[in-house]
Amino acid sequence: MTTLLAREEVHVIAEAESGIQALELCEQFRPDILFCDIRMPDLDGLETAAALVQFDSPPLLVFVTGYSEHAADAFEKAAFDYILKPVSQHRLQLTLTRAEQRLAEKRVIPDLPELRRLPIRTEYAMRLLKVEDVVCAQTQQKRVVVHTHAEQFKTNYTLTQLEQMLPSTEFMRVHASAIARLDEITEINFLGNQTYDLTLSNNVTIPVGRGQYPGLQRRLGLKSIG
């Protein structure tokens, strides 16, 4: 990949040997684009992707892998592209051309107004749920369910869509299957083997991904707690 990228005059600013190291280097160097495998030490590519979206300005994520069966999961986690090995120069050129266009668009798109009401379609109406009432959202039986303190609503959103709509200063994608409002987290439960889940103020319990846990600690000001 380094050789192929050099032919396209792409400046490689860092290389990582694991998912955790990739996240650390992205935080340090703030690259425009990250090329990532699926199978890696520590965190795999999908776990790395789930953690990466918590960054204030994440790089475009391109998976480069020999495993075609993970493509759907990759795009659910906001992957920009998915390239199968062996990588041809032409295929890489197509990705880089699209990436240049996307990066140019990001530089000129103005900030969108803050979302205040979340539209949720019911059988006979459109429910306009106040964003401040949302406690969490999670995938249940292939549907995304939004929870408040008193109710829950099945929606037609994907979690990635909700993640983009809800204010990032208040919400976090804590797992591939869940988003939580940070102020509504009441307990972090240790389950053993470096796994955790969260209890929220409405008594809903949601999982925490291994890749997201360090970022959750930082967002809650708990960096020193193991």
Protein backbone atom coordinates (compact mmCIF):
# COMPACT_ATOMS: atom_id res chain seq x y z
CA MET A 1 0.00 0.00 0.00
CA THR A 2 2.83 2.39 0.78
CA THR A 3 4.27 1.82 -2.70
CA LEU A 4 0.90 2.26 -4.40
CA LEU A 5 0.18 5.46 -2.48
CA ALA A 6 3.62 6.87 -3.28
CA ARG A 7 2.87 6.46 -7.00
CA GLU A 8 -0.19 8.68 -6.47
CA GLU A 9 1.90 11.27 -4.58
CA VAL A 10 -0.02 10.64 -1.34
CA HIS A 11 1.99 11.63 1.73
CA VAL A 12 1.97 8.79 4.28
CA ILE A 13 2.40 10.45 7.67
CA ALA A 14 2.29 7.33 9.87
CA GLU A 15 1.88 3.55 9.86
CA ALA A 16 0.31 1.50 12.66
CA GLU A 17 0.70 -2.14 13.63
CA SER A 18 -2.59 -2.44 15.57
CA GLY A 19 -6.00 -0.86 15.92
CA ILE A 20 -5.11 0.91 19.16
CA GLN A 21 -1.94 2.35 17.67
CA ALA A 22 -3.92 3.52 14.63
CA LEU A 23 -6.31 5.46 16.90
CA GLU A 24 -3.43 7.01 18.81
CA LEU A 25 -1.71 8.10 15.59
CA CYS A 26 -4.94 9.50 14.16
CA GLU A 27 -5.43 11.55 17.31
CA GLN A 28 -1.85 12.80 17.09
CA PHE A 29 -1.55 13.56 13.36
CA ARG A 30 -5.19 14.15 12.26
CA PRO A 31 -4.82 12.57 8.79
CA ASP A 32 -7.25 13.16 5.93
CA ILE A 33 -7.62 9.45 5.17
CA LEU A 34 -6.90 6.15 6.92
CA PHE A 35 -6.38 2.84 5.13
CA CYS A 36 -7.24 0.01 7.50
CA ASP A 37 -7.34 -3.80 7.40
CA ILE A 38 -10.09 -5.90 8.99
CA ARG A 39 -7.95 -8.34 10.93
CA MET A 40 -5.48 -6.54 13.20
CA PRO A 41 -4.04 -7.01 16.70
CA ASP A 42 -5.79 -5.47 19.76
CA LEU A 43 -8.81 -3.98 17.97
CA ASP A 44 -9.96 -5.30 14.62
CA GLY A 45 -10.84 -2.95 11.79
CA LEU A 46 -14.53 -2.71 12.60
CA GLU A 47 -13.83 -1.94 16.27
CA THR A 48 -11.31 0.68 15.19
CA ALA A 49 -13.90 2.22 12.87
CA ALA A 50 -16.48 2.39 15.66
CA ALA A 51 -13.98 4.22 17.88
CA LEU A 52 -12.83 6.51 15.10
CA VAL A 53 -16.23 8.11 14.59
CA GLN A 54 -15.97 9.59 18.11
CA PHE A 55 -13.18 11.91 16.95
CA ASP A 56 -14.09 15.55 16.42
CA SER A 57 -12.88 15.36 12.81
CA PRO A 58 -12.30 11.71 11.87
CA PRO A 59 -10.37 10.84 8.71
CA LEU A 60 -12.04 9.18 5.75
CA LEU A 61 -11.80 5.45 6.45
CA VAL A 62 -10.96 3.03 3.65
CA PHE A 63 -10.85 -0.68 4.40
CA VAL A 64 -8.28 -2.67 2.46
CA THR A 65 -8.89 -6.34 3.08
CA GLY A 66 -9.24 -9.80 1.62
CA TYR A 67 -12.57 -10.39 3.38
CA SER A 68 -15.55 -9.31 1.28
CA GLU A 69 -18.11 -10.51 3.84
CA HIS A 70 -17.50 -7.54 6.18
CA ALA A 71 -18.43 -4.84 3.66
CA ALA A 72 -21.97 -4.27 4.98
CA ASP A 73 -20.73 -3.88 8.57
CA ALA A 74 -17.99 -1.54 7.39
CA PHE A 75 -20.38 0.84 5.63
CA GLU A 76 -22.72 0.75 8.66
CA LYS A 77 -19.77 2.16 10.61
CA ALA A 78 -19.40 5.01 8.09
CA ALA A 79 -16.55 3.57 6.01
CA PHE A 80 -15.76 5.73 2.99
CA ASP A 81 -14.69 2.82 0.78
CA TYR A 82 -13.96 -0.91 0.88
CA ILE A 83 -11.18 -2.24 -1.36
CA LEU A 84 -10.50 -5.94 -1.79
CA LYS A 85 -6.97 -7.29 -2.05
CA PRO A 86 -4.98 -7.50 -4.22
CA VAL A 87 -5.26 -3.74 -4.73
CA SER A 88 -4.79 -2.46 -8.26
CA GLN A 89 -3.39 0.98 -9.00
CA HIS A 90 -6.54 1.85 -10.96
CA ARG A 91 -8.85 0.90 -8.08
CA LEU A 92 -6.80 3.00 -5.67
CA GLN A 93 -6.92 5.95 -8.07
CA LEU A 94 -10.73 5.82 -8.09
CA THR A 95 -10.82 5.89 -4.28
CA LEU A 96 -8.37 8.79 -4.05
CA THR A 97 -10.30 10.83 -6.63
CA ARG A 98 -13.50 10.40 -4.64
CA ALA A 99 -11.64 11.19 -1.42
CA GLU A 100 -10.31 14.46 -2.83
CA GLN A 101 -13.86 15.46 -3.79
CA ARG A 102 -15.23 14.58 -0.35
CA LEU A 103 -12.49 16.48 1.46
CA ALA A 104 -13.10 19.52 -0.73
CA GLU A 105 -16.83 19.37 0.09
CA LYS A 106 -16.12 19.16 3.83
CA ARG A 107 -14.11 22.38 3.63
CA VAL A 108 -16.97 24.40 2.11
CA ILE A 109 -20.13 22.91 3.69
CA PRO A 110 -21.43 25.33 6.40
CA ASP A 111 -22.43 24.12 9.83
CA LEU A 112 -25.99 22.81 9.94
CA PRO A 113 -28.43 24.23 12.49
CA GLU A 114 -28.67 22.25 15.71
CA LEU A 115 -31.35 19.57 15.65
CA ARG A 116 -34.08 20.30 18.21
CA ARG A 117 -36.77 17.76 17.25
CA LEU A 118 -36.21 14.18 16.10
CA PRO A 119 -38.93 13.14 13.60
CA ILE A 120 -40.17 9.58 14.23
CA ARG A 121 -42.79 8.10 11.95
CA THR A 122 -45.59 6.23 13.70
CA GLU A 123 -48.45 4.32 12.10
CA TYR A 124 -50.67 7.37 11.61
CA ALA A 125 -48.50 10.40 12.35
CA MET A 126 -45.04 11.93 12.60
CA ARG A 127 -43.92 12.17 16.25
CA LEU A 128 -41.59 15.12 16.88
CA LEU A 129 -39.48 13.99 19.80
CA LYS A 130 -37.54 16.65 21.69
CA VAL A 131 -33.83 15.90 21.43
CA GLU A 132 -33.37 16.69 25.13
CA ASP A 133 -35.77 13.82 25.93
CA VAL A 134 -33.64 11.20 24.16
CA VAL A 135 -31.68 9.05 26.60
CA CYS A 136 -30.25 6.45 24.24
CA ALA A 137 -30.78 4.50 21.02
CA GLN A 138 -29.93 0.88 20.29
CA THR A 139 -30.39 -1.76 17.65
CA GLN A 140 -32.99 -4.36 18.56
CA GLN A 141 -34.00 -7.09 16.09
CA LYS A 142 -32.69 -5.11 13.11
CA ARG A 143 -34.60 -1.94 14.11
CA VAL A 144 -33.18 1.09 15.88
CA VAL A 145 -35.14 1.87 19.04
CA VAL A 146 -34.96 5.35 20.62
CA HIS A 147 -35.50 5.46 24.40
CA THR A 148 -36.70 8.34 26.55
CA HIS A 149 -37.33 8.18 30.29
CA ALA A 150 -40.92 7.06 29.80
CA GLU A 151 -41.21 5.59 26.29
CA GLN A 152 -39.43 3.80 23.50
CA PHE A 153 -39.93 4.23 19.75
CA LYS A 154 -39.06 1.91 16.89
CA THR A 155 -37.62 3.98 14.05
CA ASN A 156 -36.53 3.60 10.45
CA TYR A 157 -33.19 5.29 11.11
CA THR A 158 -29.85 3.54 11.13
CA LEU A 159 -27.57 4.20 14.08
CA THR A 160 -25.14 5.95 11.78
CA GLN A 161 -27.90 8.34 10.67
CA LEU A 162 -28.87 9.06 14.28
CA GLU A 163 -25.24 9.56 15.23
CA GLN A 164 -24.92 12.23 12.54
CA MET A 165 -28.19 13.92 13.57
CA LEU A 166 -27.81 14.02 17.35
CA PRO A 167 -25.45 16.65 18.86
CA SER A 168 -22.00 15.10 19.26
CA THR A 169 -21.35 17.23 22.36
CA GLU A 170 -24.10 15.36 24.22
CA PHE A 171 -24.21 11.90 22.65
CA MET A 172 -21.64 9.18 21.95
CA ARG A 173 -21.66 6.00 19.88
CA VAL A 174 -20.59 3.70 22.72
CA HIS A 175 -21.01 0.46 20.76
CA ALA A 176 -21.70 -0.62 17.20
CA SER A 177 -25.28 -1.20 18.39
CA ALA A 178 -25.85 1.73 20.76
CA ILE A 179 -25.72 5.52 21.27
CA ALA A 180 -25.96 7.10 24.73
CA ARG A 181 -26.51 10.59 26.10
CA LEU A 182 -23.45 11.06 28.28
CA ASP A 183 -25.26 12.96 31.05
CA GLU A 184 -27.75 10.08 31.46
CA ILE A 185 -25.10 7.42 32.24
CA THR A 186 -25.47 6.39 35.88
CA GLU A 187 -23.28 3.26 36.07
CA ILE A 188 -20.39 1.63 34.24
CA ASN A 189 -20.61 -2.10 34.91
CA PHE A 190 -17.49 -4.27 34.66
CA LEU A 191 -18.35 -7.66 33.15
CA GLY A 192 -14.88 -9.20 33.16
CA ASN A 193 -12.30 -9.74 30.40
CA GLN A 194 -12.14 -5.99 29.67
CA THR A 195 -15.83 -5.80 28.77
CA TYR A 196 -18.36 -3.31 30.12
CA ASP A 197 -21.93 -2.17 29.82
CA LEU A 198 -23.73 1.00 30.88
CA THR A 199 -26.82 1.60 32.96
CA LEU A 200 -28.70 4.76 32.04
CA SER A 201 -31.04 6.91 34.08
CA ASN A 202 -34.10 5.17 32.57
CA ASN A 203 -32.70 1.76 33.71
CA VAL A 204 -31.90 0.68 30.16
CA THR A 205 -28.61 -1.23 29.88
CA ILE A 206 -26.46 -0.98 26.74
CA PRO A 207 -23.05 -2.47 25.86
CA VAL A 208 -19.75 -0.63 25.49
CA GLY A 209 -17.37 -1.60 22.70
CA ARG A 210 -13.74 -2.30 23.57
CA GLY A 211 -12.64 0.35 21.12
CA GLN A 212 -15.05 2.95 22.46
CA TYR A 213 -14.26 2.49 26.16
CA PRO A 214 -11.09 4.66 26.25
CA GLY A 215 -12.96 7.46 24.47
CA LEU A 216 -15.88 7.10 26.87
CA GLN A 217 -13.50 7.46 29.81
CA ARG A 218 -12.15 10.68 28.31
CA ARG A 219 -15.62 12.09 27.59
CA LEU A 220 -16.73 11.37 31.18
CA GLY A 221 -13.50 12.67 32.71
CA LEU A 222 -12.58 9.20 34.02
CA LYS A 223 -9.30 8.68 32.21
CA SER A 224 -7.48 7.57 35.37
CA ILE A 225 -10.03 4.90 36.30
CA GLY A 226 -9.26 1.35 35.20
